[in-house]
Amino acid sequence: MADENEIRQALGIGEDADTVAAIKSLQTKVSDLEIALNADTQAADKGELIRLRRELSDAEKRYLSQESDWQKRIIALEEDNRHEKAERMVDAAIAAGRVQPALKEMALKLALRDPKDFEEFVAKLPGVDLSERGVATDADMAALEPTAQEIEQAKQMGVWSPEYRARLMREKAVAKGLTPPEPKKES
């Protein structure tokens, strides 16, 4: 067993000091150090916890922002898809002769509003023959009249006649997509 002098040397106390009091003092210091160490650990843990919570909050904000951006993009894509689908429906109705091309914008508005109602509506419309051509009016006919240069050339070739004039006007009408009225037959 260690003798008292070795214990005093290990405790760092002199010969006249109370060994038991020195040991109790050391025990108190060790206890204080343990408390301080635990407090520092808790403070460090609290600091770490605060930092982690801040990082989590920042990550949640970034996630919510990204989610919002994605939702906006999805909504925009769905709207584009809905518009394209309505355009295809209207184009199909025009191609089927159910809707006149001049009414395309109105039909598109209806198709965008309610696609099922649009399909039912179009199914009940009478067919339109889109292969017909318009009939020339008097104003159109005046625009089809031969020019002075065309008349002069026909006269030089010796082919100018009322029949030639009518034939030339019919050719111009066809080129413009018009159906000229049939020439009046004199009785």
Protein backbone atom coordinates (compact mmCIF):
# COMPACT_ATOMS: atom_id res chain seq x y z
CA MET A 1 0.00 0.00 0.00
CA ALA A 2 1.17 3.54 -0.75
CA ASP A 3 2.49 5.46 2.16
CA GLU A 4 1.19 8.86 3.21
CA ASN A 5 4.14 10.78 1.68
CA GLU A 6 3.51 9.28 -1.74
CA ILE A 7 -0.16 10.22 -1.44
CA ARG A 8 0.78 13.79 -0.44
CA GLN A 9 3.15 14.02 -3.41
CA ALA A 10 0.47 12.67 -5.77
CA LEU A 11 -2.05 15.19 -4.40
CA GLY A 12 0.51 17.98 -4.58
CA ILE A 13 0.08 18.99 -0.91
CA GLY A 14 2.58 19.71 1.80
CA GLU A 15 3.33 17.69 4.99
CA ASP A 16 1.23 19.88 7.21
CA ALA A 17 -1.92 19.81 4.95
CA ASP A 18 -4.94 17.66 5.75
CA THR A 19 -4.98 14.74 3.30
CA VAL A 20 -8.69 14.05 3.64
CA ALA A 21 -9.56 17.72 3.04
CA ALA A 22 -7.32 17.74 -0.04
CA ILE A 23 -9.05 14.63 -1.39
CA LYS A 24 -12.49 16.16 -0.76
CA SER A 25 -11.32 19.36 -2.48
CA LEU A 26 -10.18 17.30 -5.46
CA GLN A 27 -13.49 15.45 -5.54
CA THR A 28 -15.34 18.80 -5.56
CA LYS A 29 -13.16 20.08 -8.41
CA VAL A 30 -13.71 16.87 -10.39
CA SER A 31 -17.45 17.17 -9.83
CA ASP A 32 -17.39 20.85 -10.90
CA LEU A 33 -15.40 19.92 -14.00
CA GLU A 34 -17.88 17.15 -14.86
CA ILE A 35 -20.78 19.62 -14.49
CA ALA A 36 -18.98 22.20 -16.62
CA LEU A 37 -18.11 19.56 -19.19
CA ASN A 38 -21.75 18.40 -19.34
CA ALA A 39 -22.91 22.02 -19.63
CA ASP A 40 -20.45 22.65 -22.47
CA THR A 41 -21.60 19.47 -24.20
CA GLN A 42 -25.23 20.54 -23.84
CA ALA A 43 -24.36 24.01 -25.12
CA ALA A 44 -22.50 22.48 -28.03
CA ASP A 45 -25.45 20.16 -28.65
CA LYS A 46 -27.83 23.13 -28.51
CA GLY A 47 -25.66 25.05 -30.96
CA GLU A 48 -25.55 22.03 -33.26
CA LEU A 49 -29.30 21.58 -32.89
CA ILE A 50 -29.93 25.25 -33.77
CA ARG A 51 -27.64 24.97 -36.79
CA LEU A 52 -29.37 21.79 -37.96
CA ARG A 53 -32.81 23.35 -37.53
CA ARG A 54 -31.71 26.39 -39.55
CA GLU A 55 -30.39 24.13 -42.32
CA LEU A 56 -33.65 22.15 -42.27
CA SER A 57 -35.68 25.36 -42.50
CA ASP A 58 -33.58 26.57 -45.44
CA ALA A 59 -33.94 23.20 -47.17
CA GLU A 60 -37.72 23.28 -46.64
CA LYS A 61 -37.89 26.79 -48.16
CA ARG A 62 -35.87 25.66 -51.20
CA TYR A 63 -38.10 22.58 -51.56
CA LEU A 64 -41.30 24.63 -51.34
CA SER A 65 -39.94 27.11 -53.89
CA GLN A 66 -39.01 24.30 -56.28
CA GLU A 67 -42.37 22.64 -55.76
CA SER A 68 -44.12 25.93 -56.53
CA ASP A 69 -42.05 26.37 -59.69
CA TRP A 70 -42.86 22.81 -60.78
CA GLN A 71 -46.56 23.33 -60.11
CA LYS A 72 -46.51 26.50 -62.24
CA ARG A 73 -44.78 24.62 -65.06
CA ILE A 74 -47.24 21.73 -64.83
CA ILE A 75 -50.19 24.12 -64.95
CA ALA A 76 -48.70 25.88 -68.00
CA LEU A 77 -48.10 22.54 -69.75
CA GLU A 78 -51.62 21.38 -68.97
CA GLU A 79 -53.01 24.63 -70.39
CA ASP A 80 -50.91 24.23 -73.55
CA ASN A 81 -52.09 20.62 -73.86
CA ARG A 82 -55.74 21.66 -73.40
CA HIS A 83 -55.35 24.39 -76.06
CA GLU A 84 -53.68 22.00 -78.55
CA LYS A 85 -56.40 19.41 -77.98
CA ALA A 86 -59.10 22.04 -78.63
CA GLU A 87 -57.31 23.15 -81.82
CA ARG A 88 -57.15 19.53 -83.06
CA MET A 89 -60.88 19.11 -82.35
CA VAL A 90 -61.73 22.29 -84.27
CA ASP A 91 -59.43 21.38 -87.17
CA ALA A 92 -61.04 17.93 -87.34
CA ALA A 93 -64.51 19.52 -87.36
CA ILE A 94 -63.46 21.84 -90.18
CA ALA A 95 -61.92 18.96 -92.15
CA ALA A 96 -65.12 16.94 -91.65
CA GLY A 97 -67.14 19.83 -93.07
CA ARG A 98 -69.00 20.46 -89.81
CA VAL A 99 -67.57 23.92 -89.11
CA GLN A 100 -66.81 26.64 -91.62
CA PRO A 101 -63.19 27.81 -91.62
CA ALA A 102 -64.36 31.39 -91.09
CA LEU A 103 -65.83 30.31 -87.73
CA LYS A 104 -62.62 28.69 -86.48
CA GLU A 105 -61.93 31.22 -83.68
CA MET A 106 -65.47 30.98 -82.33
CA ALA A 107 -65.36 27.18 -82.49
CA LEU A 108 -62.00 27.21 -80.68
CA LYS A 109 -63.48 29.27 -77.84
CA LEU A 110 -66.32 26.77 -77.51
CA ALA A 111 -63.93 23.81 -77.56
CA LEU A 112 -61.76 25.39 -74.88
CA ARG A 113 -64.75 26.13 -72.67
CA ASP A 114 -66.16 22.58 -72.73
CA PRO A 115 -64.70 19.95 -75.08
CA LYS A 116 -67.51 17.41 -74.58
CA ASP A 117 -70.25 19.95 -75.29
CA PHE A 118 -68.30 21.09 -78.36
CA GLU A 119 -68.14 17.53 -79.71
CA GLU A 120 -71.88 17.05 -79.14
CA PHE A 121 -72.63 20.39 -80.79
CA VAL A 122 -70.46 19.65 -83.82
CA ALA A 123 -71.99 16.20 -84.24
CA LYS A 124 -75.41 17.81 -84.56
CA LEU A 125 -74.34 20.45 -87.11
CA PRO A 126 -75.21 19.86 -90.77
CA GLY A 127 -72.28 19.21 -93.05
CA VAL A 128 -70.80 22.07 -95.06
CA ASP A 129 -69.54 21.40 -98.59
CA LEU A 130 -66.19 23.14 -98.52
CA SER A 131 -65.42 22.19 -102.10
CA GLU A 132 -67.90 24.74 -103.48
CA ARG A 133 -66.56 27.94 -104.95
CA GLY A 134 -68.12 31.34 -104.63
CA VAL A 135 -70.12 32.91 -107.42
CA ALA A 136 -68.74 36.10 -108.89
CA THR A 137 -70.64 39.29 -108.11
CA ASP A 138 -70.91 42.33 -110.36
CA ALA A 139 -67.94 43.93 -108.60
CA ASP A 140 -65.94 40.73 -109.06
CA MET A 141 -66.97 40.60 -112.71
CA ALA A 142 -65.76 44.16 -113.26
CA ALA A 143 -62.36 43.15 -111.88
CA LEU A 144 -62.28 40.26 -114.38
CA GLU A 145 -62.72 42.47 -117.43
CA PRO A 146 -59.83 42.23 -119.91
CA THR A 147 -57.25 44.97 -119.63
CA ALA A 148 -56.55 47.32 -122.51
CA GLN A 149 -53.30 45.48 -123.18
CA GLU A 150 -55.11 42.09 -123.34
CA ILE A 151 -57.68 43.54 -125.77
CA GLU A 152 -54.96 45.02 -127.98
CA GLN A 153 -53.04 41.71 -128.07
CA ALA A 154 -56.22 39.76 -128.95
CA LYS A 155 -57.01 42.24 -131.75
CA GLN A 156 -53.48 41.95 -133.14
CA MET A 157 -53.83 38.17 -133.16
CA GLY A 158 -57.26 38.51 -134.79
CA VAL A 159 -59.08 36.57 -132.08
CA TRP A 160 -60.93 39.38 -130.32
CA SER A 161 -64.65 38.67 -130.05
CA PRO A 162 -67.37 38.65 -127.36
CA GLU A 163 -66.75 34.91 -126.91
CA TYR A 164 -63.01 35.47 -126.44
CA ARG A 165 -63.78 38.20 -123.85
CA ALA A 166 -66.08 35.78 -121.92
CA ARG A 167 -63.49 32.97 -122.09
CA LEU A 168 -60.74 35.30 -120.79
CA MET A 169 -63.01 36.46 -117.94
CA ARG A 170 -63.82 32.83 -116.98
CA GLU A 171 -60.10 31.96 -116.88
CA LYS A 172 -59.41 34.92 -114.57
CA ALA A 173 -62.35 33.94 -112.34
CA VAL A 174 -61.12 30.36 -112.00
CA ALA A 175 -57.63 31.63 -111.16
CA LYS A 176 -59.15 33.73 -108.36
CA GLY A 177 -61.30 30.87 -107.08
CA LEU A 178 -64.59 32.28 -108.36
CA THR A 179 -67.26 30.64 -110.44
CA PRO A 180 -68.45 33.13 -113.01
CA PRO A 181 -72.11 33.11 -113.88
CA GLU A 182 -72.96 31.27 -117.05
CA PRO A 183 -73.13 33.59 -120.08
CA LYS A 184 -76.65 34.69 -120.83
CA LYS A 185 -78.08 32.94 -123.83
CA GLU A 186 -79.97 35.23 -126.12
CA SER A 187 -83.26 33.87 -127.36
